[in-house]
Amino acid sequence: MKEHTIDAKGKKLGRLATEVATLLQGKNDPSYQPNKVGDTKVVLKNIKDIEISGDKANQKVYYKHAGKLGHLKKKRYSDVFENDPEWIIRHAVRLMLPKNRLRKERLRNLIIEENGQEK
């Protein structure tokens, strides 16, 4: 089992998520197989210091729908990041992984540490 440690300080959210998704799939490994999970764990540190470009902190919105008419919930990036920065990173990486049966297993190999402790 290989382990990659990435310091998120000063990195852009999208570029970091792309890098993590590539590592979780094992695409950088010569023995890459698209139908296998991959044997790579990715450890992220300093996620509170992640950057986004422009005014996305106020403009980027996450939507959630309960299924009934008028039940569309909206949350701004800044509010979500303040409460749960780990969710934002997991969400970005999840959307960059292929939409198949292996996505959940690959996401289990993503470890996010805050202040040197695994969360």
Protein backbone atom coordinates (compact mmCIF):
# COMPACT_ATOMS: atom_id res chain seq x y z
CA MET A 1 0.00 0.00 0.00
CA LYS A 2 1.52 3.30 -1.12
CA GLU A 3 0.82 6.51 0.74
CA HIS A 4 1.03 10.02 -0.69
CA THR A 5 1.01 13.02 1.65
CA ILE A 6 -0.16 16.29 0.13
CA ASP A 7 0.06 19.68 1.81
CA ALA A 8 -3.01 21.66 0.70
CA LYS A 9 -1.66 25.00 1.89
CA GLY A 10 -1.93 27.59 -0.86
CA LYS A 11 -3.30 25.16 -3.47
CA LYS A 12 -6.42 25.78 -5.54
CA LEU A 13 -9.40 23.54 -4.76
CA GLY A 14 -9.97 22.18 -8.27
CA ARG A 15 -6.32 21.45 -9.02
CA LEU A 16 -5.92 19.70 -5.68
CA ALA A 17 -9.05 17.61 -6.25
CA THR A 18 -7.79 16.57 -9.70
CA GLU A 19 -4.43 15.53 -8.30
CA VAL A 20 -6.04 13.52 -5.49
CA ALA A 21 -8.53 11.83 -7.84
CA THR A 22 -5.70 10.77 -10.17
CA LEU A 23 -3.72 9.31 -7.27
CA LEU A 24 -6.76 7.49 -5.83
CA GLN A 25 -7.44 5.82 -9.16
CA GLY A 26 -3.80 4.75 -9.39
CA LYS A 27 -3.31 6.30 -12.83
CA ASN A 28 0.27 7.28 -11.98
CA ASP A 29 1.16 3.62 -11.30
CA PRO A 30 2.47 1.39 -14.10
CA SER A 31 0.17 -1.41 -12.95
CA TYR A 32 -2.98 0.74 -13.39
CA GLN A 33 -6.14 -1.16 -14.20
CA PRO A 34 -9.41 0.78 -14.63
CA ASN A 35 -11.45 -2.03 -13.06
CA LYS A 36 -9.38 -2.14 -9.83
CA VAL A 37 -9.50 0.22 -6.85
CA GLY A 38 -5.75 0.86 -6.67
CA ASP A 39 -3.45 0.48 -3.70
CA THR A 40 -2.77 4.14 -2.96
CA LYS A 41 -3.76 6.11 0.12
CA VAL A 42 -3.77 9.90 -0.04
CA VAL A 43 -3.28 11.96 3.13
CA LEU A 44 -4.26 15.64 2.96
CA LYS A 45 -2.92 18.17 5.45
CA ASN A 46 -3.68 21.85 6.09
CA ILE A 47 -7.06 21.85 4.35
CA LYS A 48 -8.08 25.05 6.12
CA ASP A 49 -5.50 26.92 4.02
CA ILE A 50 -6.95 25.96 0.64
CA GLU A 51 -7.51 28.77 -1.87
CA ILE A 52 -10.13 29.48 -4.49
CA SER A 53 -9.87 32.05 -7.24
CA GLY A 54 -11.90 35.18 -7.71
CA ASP A 55 -15.02 35.85 -5.65
CA LYS A 56 -16.11 32.21 -5.51
CA ALA A 57 -16.36 32.32 -1.73
CA ASN A 58 -19.51 34.39 -2.16
CA GLN A 59 -20.66 33.26 -5.62
CA LYS A 60 -20.22 29.47 -5.50
CA VAL A 61 -23.40 27.75 -4.33
CA TYR A 62 -24.03 24.12 -3.38
CA TYR A 63 -27.57 22.90 -4.09
CA LYS A 64 -29.49 20.11 -2.42
CA HIS A 65 -33.02 19.07 -3.32
CA ALA A 66 -35.38 17.13 -1.07
CA GLY A 67 -37.56 15.96 -3.96
CA LYS A 68 -40.68 17.99 -3.24
CA LEU A 69 -41.65 21.21 -4.96
CA GLY A 70 -40.05 24.24 -3.34
CA HIS A 71 -37.54 22.21 -1.31
CA LEU A 72 -34.37 23.40 -3.01
CA LYS A 73 -31.72 24.22 -0.40
CA LYS A 74 -28.78 26.53 -1.18
CA LYS A 75 -25.56 27.01 0.73
CA ARG A 76 -22.71 29.37 -0.12
CA TYR A 77 -19.14 28.11 -0.30
CA SER A 78 -17.98 30.41 2.50
CA ASP A 79 -20.63 29.12 4.93
CA VAL A 80 -19.96 25.46 4.16
CA PHE A 81 -16.17 25.90 4.31
CA GLU A 82 -16.44 27.62 7.68
CA ASN A 83 -18.46 24.74 9.15
CA ASP A 84 -16.97 21.71 7.37
CA PRO A 85 -13.97 22.18 5.05
CA GLU A 86 -13.51 18.41 4.85
CA TRP A 87 -16.89 18.04 3.10
CA ILE A 88 -15.89 20.51 0.39
CA ILE A 89 -12.74 18.57 -0.47
CA ARG A 90 -14.46 15.18 -0.38
CA HIS A 91 -17.26 16.55 -2.57
CA ALA A 92 -14.82 17.95 -5.15
CA VAL A 93 -12.78 14.72 -5.28
CA ARG A 94 -15.94 12.59 -5.42
CA LEU A 95 -17.20 14.47 -8.47
CA MET A 96 -13.82 14.03 -10.22
CA LEU A 97 -13.73 10.26 -9.76
CA PRO A 98 -15.44 8.05 -12.36
CA LYS A 99 -19.10 7.43 -11.60
CA ASN A 100 -18.98 3.65 -11.06
CA ARG A 101 -18.98 1.00 -8.32
CA LEU A 102 -15.40 1.70 -7.32
CA ARG A 103 -15.94 5.35 -6.36
CA LYS A 104 -16.95 4.64 -2.76
CA GLU A 105 -14.00 2.31 -2.19
CA ARG A 106 -11.56 4.79 -3.71
CA LEU A 107 -12.87 7.58 -1.48
CA ARG A 108 -12.18 5.43 1.57
CA ASN A 109 -8.48 5.76 0.72
CA LEU A 110 -8.67 9.55 1.14
CA ILE A 111 -7.52 10.55 4.63
CA ILE A 112 -7.88 14.15 5.77
CA GLU A 113 -5.82 15.30 8.73
CA GLU A 114 -6.41 18.41 10.77
CA ASN A 115 -3.66 19.62 13.10
CA GLY A 116 -1.76 16.35 12.71
CA GLN A 117 -4.75 14.23 13.74
CA GLU A 118 -6.85 12.07 11.47
CA LYS A 119 -10.43 13.25 11.33
